[in-house]
PDB file of N, CA and C in Angstrom:
ATOM      1  N   MET A   1     -11.537  41.186  -9.054  1.00  0.00           N
ATOM      2  CA  MET A   1     -11.823  39.950  -8.414  1.00  0.00           C
ATOM      3  C   MET A   1     -13.234  39.778  -8.173  1.00  0.00           C
ATOM      4  N   ARG A   2     -13.725  38.387  -8.142  1.00  0.00           N
ATOM      5  CA  ARG A   2     -15.309  38.437  -8.133  1.00  0.00           C
ATOM      6  C   ARG A   2     -15.184  38.189  -6.560  1.00  0.00           C
ATOM      7  N   SER A   3     -16.310  39.142  -5.993  1.00  0.00           N
ATOM      8  CA  SER A   3     -16.415  38.483  -4.427  1.00  0.00           C
ATOM      9  C   SER A   3     -17.251  37.079  -4.517  1.00  0.00           C
ATOM     10  N   GLY A   4     -16.872  36.777  -3.032  1.00  0.00           N
ATOM     11  CA  GLY A   4     -17.441  35.477  -2.500  1.00  0.00           C
ATOM     12  C   GLY A   4     -16.886  34.043  -2.999  1.00  0.00           C
ATOM     13  N   ILE A   5     -15.578  34.160  -3.881  1.00  0.00           N
ATOM     14  CA  ILE A   5     -15.114  33.038  -4.142  1.00  0.00           C
ATOM     15  C   ILE A   5     -13.858  32.464  -3.695  1.00  0.00           C
ATOM     16  N   HIS A   6     -13.553  33.477  -3.100  1.00  0.00           N
ATOM     17  CA  HIS A   6     -12.115  33.145  -2.197  1.00  0.00           C
ATOM     18  C   HIS A   6     -12.179  32.940  -0.527  1.00  0.00           C
ATOM     19  N   PRO A   7     -11.675  31.843  -0.402  1.00  0.00           N
ATOM     20  CA  PRO A   7     -11.624  31.356   1.103  1.00  0.00           C
ATOM     21  C   PRO A   7     -11.111  32.282   2.166  1.00  0.00           C
ATOM     22  N   VAL A   8     -11.534  32.333   3.466  1.00  0.00           N
ATOM     23  CA  VAL A   8     -11.216  33.294   4.448  1.00  0.00           C
ATOM     24  C   VAL A   8     -10.017  32.973   5.003  1.00  0.00           C
ATOM     25  N   SER A   9      -9.265  33.757   5.054  1.00  0.00           N
ATOM     26  CA  SER A   9      -7.488  33.709   5.669  1.00  0.00           C
ATOM     27  C   SER A   9      -7.703  34.538   7.214  1.00  0.00           C
ATOM     28  N   ARG A  10      -7.216  33.267   8.128  1.00  0.00           N
ATOM     29  CA  ARG A  10      -7.326  33.527   9.415  1.00  0.00           C
ATOM     30  C   ARG A  10      -6.053  33.294  10.182  1.00  0.00           C
ATOM     31  N   PRO A  11      -5.856  33.496  11.282  1.00  0.00           N
ATOM     32  CA  PRO A  11      -4.620  32.866  12.145  1.00  0.00           C
ATOM     33  C   PRO A  11      -4.940  31.555  12.390  1.00  0.00           C
ATOM     34  N   VAL A  12      -3.959  30.671  12.496  1.00  0.00           N
ATOM     35  CA  VAL A  12      -4.172  29.306  12.559  1.00  0.00           C
ATOM     36  C   VAL A  12      -2.743  29.064  13.059  1.00  0.00           C
ATOM     37  N   VAL A  13      -2.875  27.958  14.222  1.00  0.00           N
ATOM     38  CA  VAL A  13      -1.713  27.523  15.133  1.00  0.00           C
ATOM     39  C   VAL A  13      -1.165  26.077  14.330  1.00  0.00           C
ATOM     40  N   PHE A  14       0.044  25.787  13.779  1.00  0.00           N
ATOM     41  CA  PHE A  14       0.181  24.582  13.379  1.00  0.00           C
ATOM     42  C   PHE A  14       1.145  23.996  14.409  1.00  0.00           C
ATOM     43  N   ARG A  15       0.781  22.732  14.891  1.00  0.00           N
ATOM     44  CA  ARG A  15       1.532  22.105  15.824  1.00  0.00           C
ATOM     45  C   ARG A  15       2.355  20.980  15.320  1.00  0.00           C
ATOM     46  N   ASP A  16       3.755  20.899  15.153  1.00  0.00           N
ATOM     47  CA  ASP A  16       4.521  19.730  14.717  1.00  0.00           C
ATOM     48  C   ASP A  16       4.903  18.853  15.900  1.00  0.00           C
ATOM     49  N   ARG A  17       3.922  17.672  15.472  1.00  0.00           N
ATOM     50  CA  ARG A  17       3.735  16.500  16.680  1.00  0.00           C
ATOM     51  C   ARG A  17       5.559  16.057  16.991  1.00  0.00           C
ATOM     52  N   ALA A  18       6.112  15.675  15.873  1.00  0.00           N
ATOM     53  CA  ALA A  18       7.527  14.957  16.116  1.00  0.00           C
ATOM     54  C   ALA A  18       8.734  16.181  16.623  1.00  0.00           C
ATOM     55  N   GLY A  19       8.344  17.463  16.442  1.00  0.00           N
ATOM     56  CA  GLY A  19       9.364  18.444  16.963  1.00  0.00           C
ATOM     57  C   GLY A  19       9.079  19.138  18.329  1.00  0.00           C
ATOM     58  N   ASP A  20       7.827  18.922  18.719  1.00  0.00           N
ATOM     59  CA  ASP A  20       7.230  19.702  19.661  1.00  0.00           C
ATOM     60  C   ASP A  20       7.170  21.330  19.741  1.00  0.00           C
ATOM     61  N   THR A  21       6.842  21.700  18.452  1.00  0.00           N
ATOM     62  CA  THR A  21       7.311  23.018  17.867  1.00  0.00           C
ATOM     63  C   THR A  21       5.518  23.543  17.431  1.00  0.00           C
ATOM     64  N   ALA A  22       5.444  24.685  17.587  1.00  0.00           N
ATOM     65  CA  ALA A  22       4.312  25.239  17.190  1.00  0.00           C
ATOM     66  C   ALA A  22       4.223  26.392  16.410  1.00  0.00           C
ATOM     67  N   PHE A  23       3.624  26.893  15.306  1.00  0.00           N
ATOM     68  CA  PHE A  23       3.816  28.042  14.648  1.00  0.00           C
ATOM     69  C   PHE A  23       2.549  28.787  14.169  1.00  0.00           C
ATOM     70  N   LEU A  24       2.257  29.877  14.821  1.00  0.00           N
ATOM     71  CA  LEU A  24       1.342  30.936  14.356  1.00  0.00           C
ATOM     72  C   LEU A  24       1.227  31.483  12.972  1.00  0.00           C
ATOM     73  N   THR A  25       0.540  31.403  12.077  1.00  0.00           N
ATOM     74  CA  THR A  25       0.496  31.705  10.546  1.00  0.00           C
ATOM     75  C   THR A  25      -0.770  31.879  10.349  1.00  0.00           C
ATOM     76  N   THR A  26      -1.096  32.578   9.057  1.00  0.00           N
ATOM     77  CA  THR A  26      -2.459  32.686   8.556  1.00  0.00           C
ATOM     78  C   THR A  26      -2.517  31.589   7.342  1.00  0.00           C
ATOM     79  N   SER A  27      -3.921  30.832   7.471  1.00  0.00           N
ATOM     80  CA  SER A  27      -4.181  29.597   6.740  1.00  0.00           C
ATOM     81  C   SER A  27      -5.704  30.094   6.458  1.00  0.00           C
ATOM     82  N   THR A  28      -6.266  29.251   5.326  1.00  0.00           N
ATOM     83  CA  THR A  28      -7.314  29.087   5.140  1.00  0.00           C
ATOM     84  C   THR A  28      -8.036  27.607   5.559  1.00  0.00           C
ATOM     85  N   ALA A  29      -7.152  26.896   6.237  1.00  0.00           N
ATOM     86  CA  ALA A  29      -7.266  25.424   6.917  1.00  0.00           C
ATOM     87  C   ALA A  29      -8.508  25.514   7.789  1.00  0.00           C
ATOM     88  N   ARG A  30      -9.381  24.819   8.010  1.00  0.00           N
ATOM     89  CA  ARG A  30     -10.175  24.742   8.791  1.00  0.00           C
ATOM     90  C   ARG A  30      -9.940  23.518  10.047  1.00  0.00           C
ATOM     91  N   SER A  31     -10.199  23.872  11.312  1.00  0.00           N
ATOM     92  CA  SER A  31     -10.041  22.719  12.328  1.00  0.00           C
ATOM     93  C   SER A  31     -11.218  22.897  13.511  1.00  0.00           C
ATOM     94  N   ALA A  32     -11.818  21.876  14.226  1.00  0.00           N
ATOM     95  CA  ALA A  32     -12.583  22.152  15.106  1.00  0.00           C
ATOM     96  C   ALA A  32     -11.705  22.402  16.766  1.00  0.00           C
ATOM     97  N   ARG A  33     -10.443  22.053  16.398  1.00  0.00           N
ATOM     98  CA  ARG A  33      -9.813  21.827  17.772  1.00  0.00           C
ATOM     99  C   ARG A  33      -9.241  23.278  17.857  1.00  0.00           C
ATOM    100  N   THR A  34      -8.965  24.012  19.020  1.00  0.00           N
ATOM    101  CA  THR A  34      -8.423  25.259  19.218  1.00  0.00           C
ATOM    102  C   THR A  34      -7.316  24.934  20.626  1.00  0.00           C
ATOM    103  N   ILE A  35      -6.512  26.109  20.463  1.00  0.00           N
ATOM    104  CA  ILE A  35      -5.370  25.958  21.431  1.00  0.00           C
ATOM    105  C   ILE A  35      -5.190  27.643  21.883  1.00  0.00           C
ATOM    106  N   GLU A  36      -4.914  27.701  23.403  1.00  0.00           N
ATOM    107  CA  GLU A  36      -4.737  29.089  23.702  1.00  0.00           C
ATOM    108  C   GLU A  36      -3.023  29.382  23.516  1.00  0.00           C
ATOM    109  N   TRP A  37      -2.791  30.373  22.510  1.00  0.00           N
ATOM    110  CA  TRP A  37      -1.499  31.065  22.117  1.00  0.00           C
ATOM    111  C   TRP A  37      -0.725  31.983  23.350  1.00  0.00           C
ATOM    112  N   GLU A  38       0.371  32.047  22.966  1.00  0.00           N
ATOM    113  CA  GLU A  38       1.329  33.121  23.967  1.00  0.00           C
ATOM    114  C   GLU A  38       0.700  34.200  24.162  1.00  0.00           C
ATOM    115  N   ASP A  39       0.080  34.788  23.246  1.00  0.00           N
ATOM    116  CA  ASP A  39      -0.613  35.954  23.509  1.00  0.00           C
ATOM    117  C   ASP A  39      -1.788  36.027  24.124  1.00  0.00           C
ATOM    118  N   GLY A  40      -2.255  34.794  24.948  1.00  0.00           N
ATOM    119  CA  GLY A  40      -3.839  34.896  25.573  1.00  0.00           C
ATOM    120  C   GLY A  40      -4.875  34.653  24.770  1.00  0.00           C
ATOM    121  N   ASN A  41      -4.673  34.825  23.223  1.00  0.00           N
ATOM    122  CA  ASN A  41      -5.949  34.417  22.078  1.00  0.00           C
ATOM    123  C   ASN A  41      -6.016  33.121  21.974  1.00  0.00           C
ATOM    124  N   THR A  42      -7.148  32.676  21.525  1.00  0.00           N
ATOM    125  CA  THR A  42      -7.607  31.196  21.497  1.00  0.00           C
ATOM    126  C   THR A  42      -7.628  30.966  19.807  1.00  0.00           C
ATOM    127  N   TYR A  43      -6.884  30.232  19.011  1.00  0.00           N
ATOM    128  CA  TYR A  43      -6.652  29.849  17.445  1.00  0.00           C
ATOM    129  C   TYR A  43      -7.090  28.516  17.422  1.00  0.00           C
ATOM    130  N   PRO A  44      -7.771  28.321  16.530  1.00  0.00           N
ATOM    131  CA  PRO A  44      -7.714  26.957  15.613  1.00  0.00           C
ATOM    132  C   PRO A  44      -6.314  26.204  15.566  1.00  0.00           C
ATOM    133  N   LEU A  45      -6.386  24.821  15.892  1.00  0.00           N
ATOM    134  CA  LEU A  45      -5.218  24.098  16.028  1.00  0.00           C
ATOM    135  C   LEU A  45      -5.090  22.950  14.829  1.00  0.00           C
ATOM    136  N   ILE A  46      -4.070  22.746  14.204  1.00  0.00           N
ATOM    137  CA  ILE A  46      -3.647  21.762  13.078  1.00  0.00           C
ATOM    138  C   ILE A  46      -2.447  20.963  13.491  1.00  0.00           C
ATOM    139  N   ASP A  47      -2.569  19.892  13.937  1.00  0.00           N
ATOM    140  CA  ASP A  47      -1.390  18.785  14.317  1.00  0.00           C
ATOM    141  C   ASP A  47      -0.963  18.607  12.801  1.00  0.00           C
ATOM    142  N   VAL A  48       0.436  18.581  12.873  1.00  0.00           N
ATOM    143  CA  VAL A  48       1.012  18.001  11.315  1.00  0.00           C
ATOM    144  C   VAL A  48       2.229  17.055  11.859  1.00  0.00           C
ATOM    145  N   GLU A  49       2.380  16.141  11.085  1.00  0.00           N
ATOM    146  CA  GLU A  49       3.194  14.929  11.252  1.00  0.00           C
ATOM    147  C   GLU A  49       4.965  15.702  11.262  1.00  0.00           C
ATOM    148  N   ILE A  50       5.033  16.351  10.580  1.00  0.00           N
ATOM    149  CA  ILE A  50       6.456  16.928  10.212  1.00  0.00           C
ATOM    150  C   ILE A  50       6.296  18.229   9.750  1.00  0.00           C
ATOM    151  N   SER A  51       7.283  19.043  10.030  1.00  0.00           N
ATOM    152  CA  SER A  51       7.283  20.456   9.494  1.00  0.00           C
ATOM    153  C   SER A  51       8.807  20.578   9.438  1.00  0.00           C
ATOM    154  N   SER A  52       9.064  22.059   9.370  1.00  0.00           N
ATOM    155  CA  SER A  52      10.813  22.385   8.968  1.00  0.00           C
ATOM    156  C   SER A  52      11.431  22.243  10.181  1.00  0.00           C
ATOM    157  N   ALA A  53      10.571  22.090  11.579  1.00  0.00           N
ATOM    158  CA  ALA A  53      11.532  21.951  12.806  1.00  0.00           C
ATOM    159  C   ALA A  53      11.874  20.462  12.773  1.00  0.00           C
ATOM    160  N   SER A  54      11.620  19.613  12.536  1.00  0.00           N
ATOM    161  CA  SER A  54      11.676  17.939  12.462  1.00  0.00           C
ATOM    162  C   SER A  54      12.260  17.303  11.206  1.00  0.00           C
ATOM    163  N   HIS A  55      12.089  18.054  10.204  1.00  0.00           N
ATOM    164  CA  HIS A  55      12.475  17.189   8.869  1.00  0.00           C
ATOM    165  C   HIS A  55      13.990  17.237   9.035  1.00  0.00           C
ATOM    166  N   PRO A  56      14.404  16.280   8.334  1.00  0.00           N
ATOM    167  CA  PRO A  56      16.162  15.787   8.071  1.00  0.00           C
ATOM    168  C   PRO A  56      16.649  17.134   7.367  1.00  0.00           C
ATOM    169  N   PHE A  57      16.021  17.147   6.408  1.00  0.00           N
ATOM    170  CA  PHE A  57      16.616  18.292   5.667  1.00  0.00           C
ATOM    171  C   PHE A  57      16.571  19.728   6.065  1.00  0.00           C
ATOM    172  N   TYR A  58      15.876  20.137   6.944  1.00  0.00           N
ATOM    173  CA  TYR A  58      15.936  21.328   7.555  1.00  0.00           C
ATOM    174  C   TYR A  58      17.089  21.298   8.701  1.00  0.00           C
ATOM    175  N   THR A  59      16.865  19.966   9.602  1.00  0.00           N
ATOM    176  CA  THR A  59      17.514  19.955  10.789  1.00  0.00           C
ATOM    177  C   THR A  59      18.832  19.647  10.478  1.00  0.00           C
ATOM    178  N   GLY A  60      19.439  18.830   9.514  1.00  0.00           N
ATOM    179  CA  GLY A  60      20.689  18.504   9.214  1.00  0.00           C
ATOM    180  C   GLY A  60      20.968  17.170  10.131  1.00  0.00           C
ATOM    181  N   ASN A  61      19.827  16.704  10.562  1.00  0.00           N
ATOM    182  CA  ASN A  61      20.067  15.528  11.293  1.00  0.00           C
ATOM    183  C   ASN A  61      19.344  14.262   9.889  1.00  0.00           C
ATOM    184  N   THR A  62      20.445  13.209   9.938  1.00  0.00           N
ATOM    185  CA  THR A  62      19.872  12.258   9.015  1.00  0.00           C
ATOM    186  C   THR A  62      19.457  10.600   9.959  1.00  0.00           C
ATOM    187  N   ARG A  63      18.797  10.158   9.275  1.00  0.00           N
ATOM    188  CA  ARG A  63      18.629   8.706   9.833  1.00  0.00           C
ATOM    189  C   ARG A  63      19.158   7.956   9.241  1.00  0.00           C
ATOM    190  N   VAL A  64      19.732   6.882   9.818  1.00  0.00           N
ATOM    191  CA  VAL A  64      20.297   5.761   9.292  1.00  0.00           C
ATOM    192  C   VAL A  64      18.866   4.726   9.058  1.00  0.00           C
ATOM    193  N   VAL A  65      18.869   4.519   7.366  1.00  0.00           N
ATOM    194  CA  VAL A  65      17.857   3.213   7.393  1.00  0.00           C
ATOM    195  C   VAL A  65      18.660   1.654   7.073  1.00  0.00           C
ATOM    196  N   ASP A  66      18.087   1.020   7.889  1.00  0.00           N
ATOM    197  CA  ASP A  66      18.826  -0.293   7.776  1.00  0.00           C
ATOM    198  C   ASP A  66      18.418  -1.009   6.368  1.00  0.00           C
ATOM    199  N   THR A  67      19.043  -0.775   5.203  1.00  0.00           N
ATOM    200  CA  THR A  67      18.527  -1.475   4.055  1.00  0.00           C
ATOM    201  C   THR A  67      18.940  -2.890   3.754  1.00  0.00           C
ATOM    202  N   ALA A  68      20.033  -3.176   4.644  1.00  0.00           N
ATOM    203  CA  ALA A  68      20.803  -4.963   4.212  1.00  0.00           C
ATOM    204  C   ALA A  68      19.637  -5.338   5.187  1.00  0.00           C
ATOM    205  N   GLY A  69      19.272  -4.949   6.540  1.00  0.00           N
ATOM    206  CA  GLY A  69      18.139  -5.761   6.937  1.00  0.00           C
ATOM    207  C   GLY A  69      16.880  -5.954   6.295  1.00  0.00           C
ATOM    208  N   ARG A  70      16.419  -5.204   5.524  1.00  0.00           N
ATOM    209  CA  ARG A  70      15.182  -5.145   5.001  1.00  0.00           C
ATOM    210  C   ARG A  70      15.358  -5.988   3.703  1.00  0.00           C
ATOM    211  N   VAL A  71      16.376  -6.256   2.937  1.00  0.00           N
ATOM    212  CA  VAL A  71      16.578  -6.779   1.725  1.00  0.00           C
ATOM    213  C   VAL A  71      16.732  -8.270   2.228  1.00  0.00           C
ATOM    214  N   GLU A  72      17.446  -8.634   3.306  1.00  0.00           N
ATOM    215  CA  GLU A  72      17.728  -9.963   3.796  1.00  0.00           C
ATOM    216  C   GLU A  72      16.189 -10.369   4.300  1.00  0.00           C
ATOM    217  N   ARG A  73      15.365  -9.677   4.770  1.00  0.00           N
ATOM    218  CA  ARG A  73      14.027 -10.005   5.105  1.00  0.00           C
ATOM    219  C   ARG A  73      13.212 -10.234   3.730  1.00  0.00           C
ATOM    220  N   PHE A  74      13.317  -9.418   2.906  1.00  0.00           N
ATOM    221  CA  PHE A  74      12.476  -9.742   1.688  1.00  0.00           C
ATOM    222  C   PHE A  74      12.770 -11.224   1.068  1.00  0.00           C
ATOM    223  N   GLU A  75      14.256 -11.400   0.959  1.00  0.00           N
ATOM    224  CA  GLU A  75      14.622 -12.525   0.372  1.00  0.00           C
ATOM    225  C   GLU A  75      14.420 -13.750   1.294  1.00  0.00           C
ATOM    226  N   ARG A  76      14.292 -13.759   2.827  1.00  0.00           N
ATOM    227  CA  ARG A  76      13.691 -14.537   3.413  1.00  0.00           C
ATOM    228  C   ARG A  76      12.496 -15.177   3.119  1.00  0.00           C
ATOM    229  N   ARG A  77      11.542 -13.968   3.041  1.00  0.00           N
ATOM    230  CA  ARG A  77       9.998 -14.111   2.798  1.00  0.00           C
ATOM    231  C   ARG A  77       9.652 -14.784   1.530  1.00  0.00           C
ATOM    232  N   TYR A  78      10.474 -13.925   0.364  1.00  0.00           N
ATOM    233  CA  TYR A  78      10.096 -14.274  -1.117  1.00  0.00           C
ATOM    234  C   TYR A  78      11.147 -15.381  -1.877  1.00  0.00           C
ATOM    235  N   GLY A  79      11.956 -15.500  -1.121  1.00  0.00           N
ATOM    236  CA  GLY A  79      13.226 -16.214  -1.597  1.00  0.00           C
ATOM    237  C   GLY A  79      14.199 -15.444  -2.666  1.00  0.00           C
ATOM    238  N   ARG A  80      15.325 -16.068  -2.899  1.00  0.00           N
ATOM    239  CA  ARG A  80      16.145 -15.142  -3.735  1.00  0.00           C
ATOM    240  C   ARG A  80      15.967 -15.618  -5.033  1.00  0.00           C
ATOM    241  N   THR A  81      15.782 -14.329  -6.119  1.00  0.00           N
ATOM    242  CA  THR A  81      15.600 -14.854  -7.566  1.00  0.00           C
ATOM    243  C   THR A  81      17.163 -14.995  -8.444  1.00  0.00           C
ATOM    244  N   SER A  82      17.253 -15.256  -9.196  1.00  0.00           N
ATOM    245  CA  SER A  82      18.559 -15.683  -9.930  1.00  0.00           C
ATOM    246  C   SER A  82      18.377 -14.777 -11.385  1.00  0.00           C
TER     247      SER A  82
END
């Protein structure tokens, strides 16, 4: 392998904002924000909107989407086509 072309991998904390869960893993992602982890060390922090802790596919929880309301709202706005 050529030297100097690969990014440095280091420990990073990913925090799931929707599920109130944090994961310590290795990554090449950079962040200016930091967090003190359970082991007392400080690591870069990256906030994510969704992860396996909050995604419906992994948790088994499904959300009901009101498609009928959306269709009716669309028809009111733009009229019904025949």
